[in-house]
Amino acid sequence: MKTLLAESFESSLDIETGLFGTLRELAIRPGQAIRGYIDGKRLSLYVPAKFLLLVGAVTTILSIRYGIFKVAQENNFFEDWHWYKMHFVGFWDFANEYSTLINIIAIPIYTFSTWLFFKPIGDNFSEHLVMNIYVTAQQLALIVIMFPFLQLFPDAKAAIITIYTVIVILYNIWVYTTFFRMKNWMGVTLSIMATAYAQLCTIIMTHLTFLTLDMLNLLPYLEFEL
């Protein structure tokens, strides 16, 4: 943890030490690359916290400017029910609006989940944190890659986002099985369980945050849309 924090406070302008190389490594052999970084090969990947902040900033700008994850709600029989609007339409609008921030805030949740399910492997919590920072940053980078397709095919936005979601889930499983060197049915099973548990906790956290903000009347834009 001390090393992670120290590297994070180094010059934030030092982006020539493998930014694109990091994107490549995390695309073709993520588990092995992250394991190498943790084992001391510091030059193999970009510093995790800086990598996350840089990619997160880009995706946040794109998401806010173009509403990447905002999909038009289809008419529904229950659309006139206030409860339905608040707990489904309103909640998903909120989740889509702050999707990038939610992904970043959820990193400790995913870290706890992998630490819990892969505890016998022996990696400490900080090492799990580094792994999940890289995983989240690479997932956000994928948003930048799919952005042109969302602009070129706006009518297929829902389908593209669905494909993105599936890729993200499969990517998590791939990283976990290779990072923990468990390329067998047990590794796949634990990876699926860790991913599912983290996603469930993230949805619950997001929903509680949404309800809390709504109770405090801090969601004026939702009131306008609803």
C-alpha atoms as a PDB file:
ATOM      1  CA  MET A   1       0.000   0.000   0.000  1.00  0.00           C
ATOM      2  CA  LYS A   2       2.871   2.384   0.805  1.00  0.00           C
ATOM      3  CA  THR A   3       4.404   1.795  -2.629  1.00  0.00           C
ATOM      4  CA  LEU A   4       1.053   2.283  -4.347  1.00  0.00           C
ATOM      5  CA  LEU A   5       0.490   5.634  -2.626  1.00  0.00           C
ATOM      6  CA  ALA A   6       4.053   6.811  -3.244  1.00  0.00           C
ATOM      7  CA  GLU A   7       3.830   6.085  -6.971  1.00  0.00           C
ATOM      8  CA  SER A   8       0.453   7.802  -7.171  1.00  0.00           C
ATOM      9  CA  PHE A   9       1.884  11.085  -5.880  1.00  0.00           C
ATOM     10  CA  GLU A  10       4.727  11.210  -8.385  1.00  0.00           C
ATOM     11  CA  SER A  11       4.578  13.682 -11.299  1.00  0.00           C
ATOM     12  CA  SER A  12       1.176  13.284 -12.911  1.00  0.00           C
ATOM     13  CA  LEU A  13       2.649  14.560 -16.190  1.00  0.00           C
ATOM     14  CA  ASP A  14       4.921  11.541 -16.531  1.00  0.00           C
ATOM     15  CA  ILE A  15       2.800   9.788 -19.160  1.00  0.00           C
ATOM     16  CA  GLU A  16       5.540   8.646 -21.509  1.00  0.00           C
ATOM     17  CA  THR A  17       6.425   5.522 -19.530  1.00  0.00           C
ATOM     18  CA  GLY A  18       4.155   3.012 -21.181  1.00  0.00           C
ATOM     19  CA  LEU A  19       0.603   4.395 -21.354  1.00  0.00           C
ATOM     20  CA  PHE A  20      -0.229   2.796 -24.683  1.00  0.00           C
ATOM     21  CA  GLY A  21       1.905  -0.185 -23.810  1.00  0.00           C
ATOM     22  CA  THR A  22      -0.242  -0.637 -20.705  1.00  0.00           C
ATOM     23  CA  LEU A  23      -3.417  -0.569 -22.797  1.00  0.00           C
ATOM     24  CA  ARG A  24      -1.915  -3.202 -25.071  1.00  0.00           C
ATOM     25  CA  GLU A  25      -0.699  -5.445 -22.255  1.00  0.00           C
ATOM     26  CA  LEU A  26      -4.036  -5.280 -20.450  1.00  0.00           C
ATOM     27  CA  ALA A  27      -5.765  -6.206 -23.693  1.00  0.00           C
ATOM     28  CA  ILE A  28      -3.708  -9.256 -24.659  1.00  0.00           C
ATOM     29  CA  ARG A  29      -2.450 -10.695 -21.337  1.00  0.00           C
ATOM     30  CA  PRO A  30      -3.965  -8.739 -18.442  1.00  0.00           C
ATOM     31  CA  GLY A  31      -3.591 -11.264 -15.637  1.00  0.00           C
ATOM     32  CA  GLN A  32       0.070 -11.980 -16.340  1.00  0.00           C
ATOM     33  CA  ALA A  33       0.919  -8.292 -16.841  1.00  0.00           C
ATOM     34  CA  ILE A  34      -0.685  -7.224 -13.551  1.00  0.00           C
ATOM     35  CA  ARG A  35       0.967 -10.113 -11.720  1.00  0.00           C
ATOM     36  CA  GLY A  36       4.323  -9.030 -13.133  1.00  0.00           C
ATOM     37  CA  TYR A  37       3.764  -5.464 -11.936  1.00  0.00           C
ATOM     38  CA  ILE A  38       2.958  -6.672  -8.418  1.00  0.00           C
ATOM     39  CA  ASP A  39       6.008  -8.943  -8.463  1.00  0.00           C
ATOM     40  CA  GLY A  40       8.245  -5.927  -9.040  1.00  0.00           C
ATOM     41  CA  LYS A  41       8.327  -5.317 -12.798  1.00  0.00           C
ATOM     42  CA  ARG A  42       7.327  -1.677 -12.348  1.00  0.00           C
ATOM     43  CA  LEU A  43       8.282  -0.588 -15.864  1.00  0.00           C
ATOM     44  CA  SER A  44       5.899  -3.075 -17.475  1.00  0.00           C
ATOM     45  CA  LEU A  45       2.742  -1.086 -16.729  1.00  0.00           C
ATOM     46  CA  TYR A  46       1.700   2.502 -16.140  1.00  0.00           C
ATOM     47  CA  VAL A  47       1.237   3.497 -12.477  1.00  0.00           C
ATOM     48  CA  PRO A  48      -2.265   2.173 -11.557  1.00  0.00           C
ATOM     49  CA  ALA A  49      -3.756   5.262  -9.873  1.00  0.00           C
ATOM     50  CA  LYS A  50      -2.567   7.608 -12.639  1.00  0.00           C
ATOM     51  CA  PHE A  51      -3.779   5.213 -15.309  1.00  0.00           C
ATOM     52  CA  LEU A  52      -7.233   5.138 -13.703  1.00  0.00           C
ATOM     53  CA  LEU A  53      -7.422   8.925 -13.310  1.00  0.00           C
ATOM     54  CA  LEU A  54      -6.325   9.583 -16.875  1.00  0.00           C
ATOM     55  CA  VAL A  55      -8.706   7.088 -18.502  1.00  0.00           C
ATOM     56  CA  GLY A  56     -11.477   7.998 -16.058  1.00  0.00           C
ATOM     57  CA  ALA A  57     -11.187  11.681 -16.938  1.00  0.00           C
ATOM     58  CA  VAL A  58     -11.536  10.962 -20.656  1.00  0.00           C
ATOM     59  CA  THR A  59     -14.536   8.662 -20.238  1.00  0.00           C
ATOM     60  CA  THR A  60     -16.207  11.093 -17.822  1.00  0.00           C
ATOM     61  CA  ILE A  61     -15.936  13.931 -20.345  1.00  0.00           C
ATOM     62  CA  LEU A  62     -17.339  11.741 -23.124  1.00  0.00           C
ATOM     63  CA  SER A  63     -20.105  10.345 -20.929  1.00  0.00           C
ATOM     64  CA  ILE A  64     -21.271  13.750 -19.685  1.00  0.00           C
ATOM     65  CA  ARG A  65     -20.939  15.469 -23.068  1.00  0.00           C
ATOM     66  CA  TYR A  66     -22.599  12.762 -25.171  1.00  0.00           C
ATOM     67  CA  GLY A  67     -24.612  10.737 -22.642  1.00  0.00           C
ATOM     68  CA  ILE A  68     -22.962   7.495 -23.688  1.00  0.00           C
ATOM     69  CA  PHE A  69     -25.022   5.243 -21.433  1.00  0.00           C
ATOM     70  CA  LYS A  70     -28.305   7.104 -21.729  1.00  0.00           C
ATOM     71  CA  VAL A  71     -30.809   4.940 -23.572  1.00  0.00           C
ATOM     72  CA  ALA A  72     -34.352   6.037 -24.309  1.00  0.00           C
ATOM     73  CA  GLN A  73     -36.843   4.255 -22.061  1.00  0.00           C
ATOM     74  CA  GLU A  74     -39.484   2.261 -23.889  1.00  0.00           C
ATOM     75  CA  ASN A  75     -43.115   2.842 -23.038  1.00  0.00           C
ATOM     76  CA  ASN A  76     -44.275   0.589 -20.268  1.00  0.00           C
ATOM     77  CA  PHE A  77     -47.652  -0.291 -18.794  1.00  0.00           C
ATOM     78  CA  PHE A  78     -46.399   0.906 -15.395  1.00  0.00           C
ATOM     79  CA  GLU A  79     -44.861   4.153 -16.651  1.00  0.00           C
ATOM     80  CA  ASP A  80     -47.536   6.263 -14.910  1.00  0.00           C
ATOM     81  CA  TRP A  81     -46.749   4.770 -11.510  1.00  0.00           C
ATOM     82  CA  HIS A  82     -44.563   7.078  -9.436  1.00  0.00           C
ATOM     83  CA  TRP A  83     -43.014   4.098  -7.636  1.00  0.00           C
ATOM     84  CA  TYR A  84     -42.037   2.521 -10.946  1.00  0.00           C
ATOM     85  CA  LYS A  85     -40.561   5.788 -12.202  1.00  0.00           C
ATOM     86  CA  MET A  86     -38.480   6.345  -9.082  1.00  0.00           C
ATOM     87  CA  HIS A  87     -37.233   2.816  -8.549  1.00  0.00           C
ATOM     88  CA  PHE A  88     -36.640   1.802 -12.146  1.00  0.00           C
ATOM     89  CA  VAL A  89     -36.619   4.663 -14.630  1.00  0.00           C
ATOM     90  CA  GLY A  90     -35.195   7.180 -12.152  1.00  0.00           C
ATOM     91  CA  PHE A  91     -32.643   4.775 -10.738  1.00  0.00           C
ATOM     92  CA  TRP A  92     -31.309   3.716 -14.143  1.00  0.00           C
ATOM     93  CA  ASP A  93     -31.143   7.326 -15.291  1.00  0.00           C
ATOM     94  CA  PHE A  94     -29.056   8.049 -12.198  1.00  0.00           C
ATOM     95  CA  ALA A  95     -26.841   4.991 -12.737  1.00  0.00           C
ATOM     96  CA  ASN A  96     -26.283   5.868 -16.387  1.00  0.00           C
ATOM     97  CA  GLU A  97     -25.555   9.523 -15.638  1.00  0.00           C
ATOM     98  CA  TYR A  98     -22.800   8.638 -13.162  1.00  0.00           C
ATOM     99  CA  SER A  99     -21.672   5.310 -14.629  1.00  0.00           C
ATOM    100  CA  THR A 100     -17.971   6.235 -14.759  1.00  0.00           C
ATOM    101  CA  LEU A 101     -17.936   7.534 -11.183  1.00  0.00           C
ATOM    102  CA  ILE A 102     -19.843   4.478  -9.975  1.00  0.00           C
ATOM    103  CA  ASN A 103     -17.310   2.167 -11.636  1.00  0.00           C
ATOM    104  CA  ILE A 104     -14.461   3.943  -9.863  1.00  0.00           C
ATOM    105  CA  ILE A 105     -16.206   4.009  -6.487  1.00  0.00           C
ATOM    106  CA  ALA A 106     -16.982   0.299  -6.871  1.00  0.00           C
ATOM    107  CA  ILE A 107     -13.283  -0.631  -7.017  1.00  0.00           C
ATOM    108  CA  PRO A 108     -13.089  -1.296  -3.226  1.00  0.00           C
ATOM    109  CA  ILE A 109     -16.172  -3.508  -3.564  1.00  0.00           C
ATOM    110  CA  TYR A 110     -14.552  -5.595  -6.299  1.00  0.00           C
ATOM    111  CA  THR A 111     -11.336  -5.625  -4.298  1.00  0.00           C
ATOM    112  CA  PHE A 112     -13.090  -7.011  -1.234  1.00  0.00           C
ATOM    113  CA  SER A 113     -14.917  -9.556  -3.388  1.00  0.00           C
ATOM    114  CA  THR A 114     -11.778 -10.970  -5.034  1.00  0.00           C
ATOM    115  CA  TRP A 115      -9.918 -10.899  -1.710  1.00  0.00           C
ATOM    116  CA  LEU A 116     -12.787 -12.836  -0.123  1.00  0.00           C
ATOM    117  CA  PHE A 117     -13.170 -15.507  -2.807  1.00  0.00           C
ATOM    118  CA  PHE A 118      -9.462 -15.926  -3.578  1.00  0.00           C
ATOM    119  CA  LYS A 119      -8.205 -15.513  -0.021  1.00  0.00           C
ATOM    120  CA  PRO A 120      -6.456 -18.918   0.051  1.00  0.00           C
ATOM    121  CA  ILE A 121      -4.130 -17.755  -2.758  1.00  0.00           C
ATOM    122  CA  GLY A 122      -2.384 -15.497  -0.239  1.00  0.00           C
ATOM    123  CA  ASP A 123      -2.343 -12.100  -1.963  1.00  0.00           C
ATOM    124  CA  ASN A 124      -2.937  -9.197   0.396  1.00  0.00           C
ATOM    125  CA  PHE A 125      -5.700  -6.614   0.057  1.00  0.00           C
ATOM    126  CA  SER A 126      -3.426  -4.013  -1.551  1.00  0.00           C
ATOM    127  CA  GLU A 127      -2.438  -6.418  -4.312  1.00  0.00           C
ATOM    128  CA  HIS A 128      -6.107  -7.122  -4.998  1.00  0.00           C
ATOM    129  CA  LEU A 129      -6.661  -3.360  -5.086  1.00  0.00           C
ATOM    130  CA  VAL A 130      -3.934  -2.844  -7.706  1.00  0.00           C
ATOM    131  CA  MET A 131      -5.414  -5.601  -9.864  1.00  0.00           C
ATOM    132  CA  ASN A 132      -8.935  -4.171  -9.720  1.00  0.00           C
ATOM    133  CA  ILE A 133      -7.727  -0.635 -10.457  1.00  0.00           C
ATOM    134  CA  TYR A 134      -6.163  -1.901 -13.678  1.00  0.00           C
ATOM    135  CA  VAL A 135      -9.266  -3.926 -14.535  1.00  0.00           C
ATOM    136  CA  THR A 136     -11.594  -0.950 -14.034  1.00  0.00           C
ATOM    137  CA  ALA A 137      -9.338   1.441 -15.956  1.00  0.00           C
ATOM    138  CA  GLN A 138      -9.149  -0.950 -18.901  1.00  0.00           C
ATOM    139  CA  GLN A 139     -12.929  -1.332 -18.888  1.00  0.00           C
ATOM    140  CA  LEU A 140     -13.272   2.457 -19.014  1.00  0.00           C
ATOM    141  CA  ALA A 141     -10.773   2.552 -21.879  1.00  0.00           C
ATOM    142  CA  LEU A 142     -13.072   0.191 -23.760  1.00  0.00           C
ATOM    143  CA  ILE A 143     -15.772   2.866 -23.541  1.00  0.00           C
ATOM    144  CA  VAL A 144     -13.489   5.237 -25.450  1.00  0.00           C
ATOM    145  CA  ILE A 145     -12.982   2.568 -28.115  1.00  0.00           C
ATOM    146  CA  MET A 146     -16.693   1.908 -28.543  1.00  0.00           C
ATOM    147  CA  PHE A 147     -17.586   5.621 -28.527  1.00  0.00           C
ATOM    148  CA  PRO A 148     -17.322   6.044 -32.337  1.00  0.00           C
ATOM    149  CA  PHE A 149     -19.692   3.110 -32.850  1.00  0.00           C
ATOM    150  CA  LEU A 150     -22.231   4.692 -30.506  1.00  0.00           C
ATOM    151  CA  GLN A 151     -22.080   7.887 -32.560  1.00  0.00           C
ATOM    152  CA  LEU A 152     -22.219   6.141 -35.930  1.00  0.00           C
ATOM    153  CA  PHE A 153     -25.045   3.781 -34.959  1.00  0.00           C
ATOM    154  CA  PRO A 154     -27.238   5.661 -32.440  1.00  0.00           C
ATOM    155  CA  ASP A 155     -30.214   3.374 -33.073  1.00  0.00           C
ATOM    156  CA  ALA A 156     -28.127   0.396 -31.949  1.00  0.00           C
ATOM    157  CA  LYS A 157     -26.982   2.038 -28.703  1.00  0.00           C
ATOM    158  CA  ALA A 158     -28.828  -0.432 -26.446  1.00  0.00           C
ATOM    159  CA  ALA A 159     -27.338  -3.405 -28.307  1.00  0.00           C
ATOM    160  CA  ILE A 160     -23.814  -1.941 -28.211  1.00  0.00           C
ATOM    161  CA  ILE A 161     -24.063  -1.273 -24.473  1.00  0.00           C
ATOM    162  CA  THR A 162     -25.315  -4.830 -23.923  1.00  0.00           C
ATOM    163  CA  ILE A 163     -22.322  -6.173 -25.844  1.00  0.00           C
ATOM    164  CA  TYR A 164     -20.042  -3.931 -23.772  1.00  0.00           C
ATOM    165  CA  THR A 165     -21.551  -5.281 -20.537  1.00  0.00           C
ATOM    166  CA  VAL A 166     -20.984  -8.883 -21.629  1.00  0.00           C
ATOM    167  CA  ILE A 167     -17.388  -8.108 -22.630  1.00  0.00           C
ATOM    168  CA  VAL A 168     -16.753  -6.469 -19.245  1.00  0.00           C
ATOM    169  CA  ILE A 169     -18.035  -9.511 -17.351  1.00  0.00           C
ATOM    170  CA  LEU A 170     -15.981 -11.918 -19.474  1.00  0.00           C
ATOM    171  CA  TYR A 171     -12.924  -9.671 -19.098  1.00  0.00           C
ATOM    172  CA  ASN A 172     -13.219  -9.773 -15.304  1.00  0.00           C
ATOM    173  CA  ILE A 173     -13.383 -13.557 -15.347  1.00  0.00           C
ATOM    174  CA  TRP A 174     -10.409 -13.764 -17.724  1.00  0.00           C
ATOM    175  CA  VAL A 175      -8.262 -11.455 -15.596  1.00  0.00           C
ATOM    176  CA  TYR A 176      -9.099 -13.221 -12.345  1.00  0.00           C
ATOM    177  CA  THR A 177      -8.386 -16.727 -13.644  1.00  0.00           C
ATOM    178  CA  THR A 178      -5.048 -15.726 -15.186  1.00  0.00           C
ATOM    179  CA  PHE A 179      -3.953 -13.397 -12.376  1.00  0.00           C
ATOM    180  CA  PHE A 180      -4.519 -16.078  -9.739  1.00  0.00           C
ATOM    181  CA  ARG A 181      -3.104 -18.778 -12.056  1.00  0.00           C
ATOM    182  CA  MET A 182      -6.261 -20.877 -11.801  1.00  0.00           C
ATOM    183  CA  LYS A 183      -7.097 -21.735 -15.421  1.00  0.00           C
ATOM    184  CA  ASN A 184      -9.455 -24.549 -14.454  1.00  0.00           C
ATOM    185  CA  TRP A 185     -13.100 -25.014 -13.546  1.00  0.00           C
ATOM    186  CA  MET A 186     -12.440 -23.949  -9.946  1.00  0.00           C
ATOM    187  CA  GLY A 187     -10.799 -20.712 -11.053  1.00  0.00           C
ATOM    188  CA  VAL A 188     -13.614 -19.932 -13.486  1.00  0.00           C
ATOM    189  CA  THR A 189     -16.250 -20.716 -10.838  1.00  0.00           C
ATOM    190  CA  LEU A 190     -14.600 -18.487  -8.223  1.00  0.00           C
ATOM    191  CA  SER A 191     -14.162 -15.713 -10.806  1.00  0.00           C
ATOM    192  CA  ILE A 192     -17.843 -15.856 -11.742  1.00  0.00           C
ATOM    193  CA  MET A 193     -18.865 -15.826  -8.073  1.00  0.00           C
ATOM    194  CA  ALA A 194     -16.555 -12.903  -7.249  1.00  0.00           C
ATOM    195  CA  THR A 195     -17.805 -10.894 -10.229  1.00  0.00           C
ATOM    196  CA  ALA A 196     -21.474 -11.616  -9.513  1.00  0.00           C
ATOM    197  CA  TYR A 197     -21.112 -10.784  -5.815  1.00  0.00           C
ATOM    198  CA  ALA A 198     -19.315  -7.497  -6.566  1.00  0.00           C
ATOM    199  CA  GLN A 199     -21.896  -6.471  -9.166  1.00  0.00           C
ATOM    200  CA  LEU A 200     -24.762  -7.231  -6.794  1.00  0.00           C
ATOM    201  CA  CYS A 201     -23.142  -5.167  -4.022  1.00  0.00           C
ATOM    202  CA  THR A 202     -22.486  -2.334  -6.474  1.00  0.00           C
ATOM    203  CA  ILE A 203     -26.131  -2.257  -7.575  1.00  0.00           C
ATOM    204  CA  ILE A 204     -27.281  -2.219  -3.941  1.00  0.00           C
ATOM    205  CA  MET A 205     -24.799   0.572  -3.090  1.00  0.00           C
ATOM    206  CA  THR A 206     -25.904   2.611  -6.104  1.00  0.00           C
ATOM    207  CA  HIS A 207     -29.592   2.158  -5.301  1.00  0.00           C
ATOM    208  CA  LEU A 208     -29.102   3.178  -1.656  1.00  0.00           C
ATOM    209  CA  THR A 209     -27.148   6.245  -2.790  1.00  0.00           C
ATOM    210  CA  PHE A 210     -29.916   7.130  -5.236  1.00  0.00           C
ATOM    211  CA  LEU A 211     -32.640   6.781  -2.597  1.00  0.00           C
ATOM    212  CA  THR A 212     -30.631   8.795  -0.075  1.00  0.00           C
ATOM    213  CA  LEU A 213     -30.055  11.647  -2.519  1.00  0.00           C
ATOM    214  CA  ASP A 214     -33.708  11.581  -3.467  1.00  0.00           C
ATOM    215  CA  MET A 215     -34.778  11.800   0.186  1.00  0.00           C
ATOM    216  CA  LEU A 216     -32.501  14.830   0.569  1.00  0.00           C
ATOM    217  CA  ASN A 217     -33.996  16.403  -2.586  1.00  0.00           C
ATOM    218  CA  LEU A 218     -30.619  16.437  -4.307  1.00  0.00           C
ATOM    219  CA  LEU A 219     -31.849  15.028  -7.609  1.00  0.00           C
ATOM    220  CA  PRO A 220     -33.510  17.997  -9.333  1.00  0.00           C
ATOM    221  CA  TYR A 221     -32.657  16.783 -12.810  1.00  0.00           C
ATOM    222  CA  LEU A 222     -34.531  13.540 -12.153  1.00  0.00           C
ATOM    223  CA  GLU A 223     -37.581  15.461 -11.023  1.00  0.00           C
ATOM    224  CA  PHE A 224     -37.503  17.311 -14.340  1.00  0.00           C
ATOM    225  CA  GLU A 225     -37.189  14.101 -16.365  1.00  0.00           C
ATOM    226  CA  LEU A 226     -39.851  12.260 -14.399  1.00  0.00           C
END
